Amino acid sequence: MNDMFSPSAVKRDPPDIELVKEVTLQQFSNWLMRHFGALPQHLVEPIRDLTTLKRGLAPIYEELRDGDSLWLCRSRVIGPLHGHEGIALVRDKQPVIYIRIIQR
């Protein structure tokens, strides 16, 4: 299930995002459920199953090191039909890998 998120949604060293909140994998799952909980069960299950979700976040987890953290992030510019939200691997207070989840 490594293809949970489109490869085009994965950005390395993104310059245009702001860190919103540090999260655990469970908190990220909860965030996804708040946004996508109305989906059919077969689409919601990978979000609830932390092992599957972690595999879906492979670009992040493949590079995770001691001291790194996961952060909810968003684009610095948000407006009508503009902006995005997602999750990032953060190292030394800098986003290393960002996965865009929601495009406005």
Protein backbone atom coordinates (compact mmCIF):
# COMPACT_ATOMS: atom_id res chain seq x y z
CA MET A 1 0.00 0.00 0.00
CA ASN A 2 2.93 2.33 -0.59
CA ASP A 3 0.84 4.07 -3.26
CA MET A 4 -1.67 5.45 -0.74
CA PHE A 5 -0.61 8.97 -1.73
CA SER A 6 0.29 10.08 -5.22
CA PRO A 7 4.04 10.45 -5.89
CA SER A 8 3.29 13.96 -7.17
CA ALA A 9 2.04 14.82 -3.66
CA VAL A 10 5.47 14.08 -2.14
CA LYS A 11 7.90 17.01 -1.99
CA ARG A 12 11.45 17.07 -0.67
CA ASP A 13 12.67 20.15 1.25
CA PRO A 14 9.44 22.09 0.64
CA PRO A 15 10.01 25.85 0.98
CA ASP A 16 6.38 26.95 1.00
CA ILE A 17 4.85 25.23 4.03
CA GLU A 18 4.39 26.15 7.65
CA LEU A 19 4.46 23.71 10.55
CA VAL A 20 1.11 23.61 12.34
CA LYS A 21 1.24 20.87 14.98
CA GLU A 22 3.48 17.97 15.93
CA VAL A 23 1.53 14.68 15.77
CA THR A 24 1.84 10.97 16.35
CA LEU A 25 0.74 8.47 13.72
CA GLN A 26 -2.50 7.93 15.69
CA GLN A 27 -3.19 11.68 15.80
CA PHE A 28 -2.56 11.88 12.05
CA SER A 29 -5.02 9.02 11.52
CA ASN A 30 -7.60 10.91 13.60
CA TRP A 31 -6.98 14.06 11.53
CA LEU A 32 -7.56 12.09 8.32
CA MET A 33 -10.75 10.58 9.76
CA ARG A 34 -12.11 14.05 10.55
CA HIS A 35 -11.51 15.06 6.93
CA PHE A 36 -12.45 11.82 5.16
CA GLY A 37 -14.58 9.84 7.63
CA ALA A 38 -17.63 9.91 5.37
CA LEU A 39 -15.91 7.72 2.77
CA PRO A 40 -16.98 4.10 2.17
CA GLN A 41 -15.60 1.59 4.68
CA HIS A 42 -13.08 0.04 2.25
CA LEU A 43 -11.47 3.47 1.77
CA VAL A 44 -11.57 4.44 5.46
CA GLU A 45 -10.01 1.20 6.74
CA PRO A 46 -6.44 2.01 5.54
CA ILE A 47 -6.68 5.32 7.42
CA ARG A 48 -7.70 3.59 10.66
CA ASP A 49 -5.17 0.75 10.41
CA LEU A 50 -1.92 2.31 11.63
CA THR A 51 0.28 -0.37 10.06
CA THR A 52 -1.26 0.27 6.63
CA LEU A 53 -1.13 4.02 7.13
CA LYS A 54 2.55 3.82 8.08
CA ARG A 55 3.26 1.84 4.88
CA GLY A 56 1.36 4.50 2.95
CA LEU A 57 3.66 7.10 4.45
CA ALA A 58 6.72 5.14 3.26
CA PRO A 59 8.48 8.21 1.79
CA ILE A 60 8.53 9.66 5.31
CA TYR A 61 9.17 6.50 7.32
CA GLU A 62 11.99 5.35 5.04
CA GLU A 63 13.98 8.44 6.07
CA LEU A 64 12.86 8.78 9.69
CA ARG A 65 15.78 9.08 12.14
CA ASP A 66 16.04 9.44 15.90
CA GLY A 67 14.97 12.94 16.86
CA ASP A 68 12.74 13.42 13.79
CA SER A 69 9.03 14.10 14.17
CA LEU A 70 5.79 14.20 12.19
CA TRP A 71 3.99 17.52 11.77
CA LEU A 72 0.70 18.58 10.28
CA CYS A 73 1.52 21.35 7.83
CA ARG A 74 -0.16 23.72 5.42
CA SER A 75 0.86 25.99 2.61
CA ARG A 76 1.91 29.47 3.65
CA VAL A 77 -0.71 30.95 1.31
CA ILE A 78 -4.30 29.83 1.89
CA GLY A 79 -7.24 31.29 0.01
CA PRO A 80 -10.24 30.43 -2.17
CA LEU A 81 -9.19 27.51 -4.34
CA HIS A 82 -5.58 27.95 -3.26
CA GLY A 83 -3.53 26.13 -0.66
CA HIS A 84 -2.94 22.65 0.71
CA GLU A 85 -2.53 20.69 3.92
CA GLY A 86 -0.54 17.58 4.70
CA ILE A 87 2.09 15.89 6.83
CA ALA A 88 5.84 16.34 6.96
CA LEU A 89 8.90 14.64 8.34
CA VAL A 90 10.63 17.36 10.35
CA ARG A 91 14.31 17.30 11.27
CA ASP A 92 16.02 20.11 13.16
CA LYS A 93 12.82 22.21 12.90
CA GLN A 94 12.90 21.98 9.08
CA PRO A 95 10.50 20.00 6.87
CA VAL A 96 12.46 17.33 5.01
CA ILE A 97 9.68 15.47 3.21
CA TYR A 98 6.11 16.75 2.81
CA ILE A 99 3.09 14.79 1.60
CA ARG A 100 0.23 16.97 0.41
CA ILE A 101 -3.07 15.40 1.52
CA ILE A 102 -5.69 18.07 0.84
CA GLN A 103 -5.56 20.47 -2.10
CA ARG A 104 -7.85 23.50 -1.75
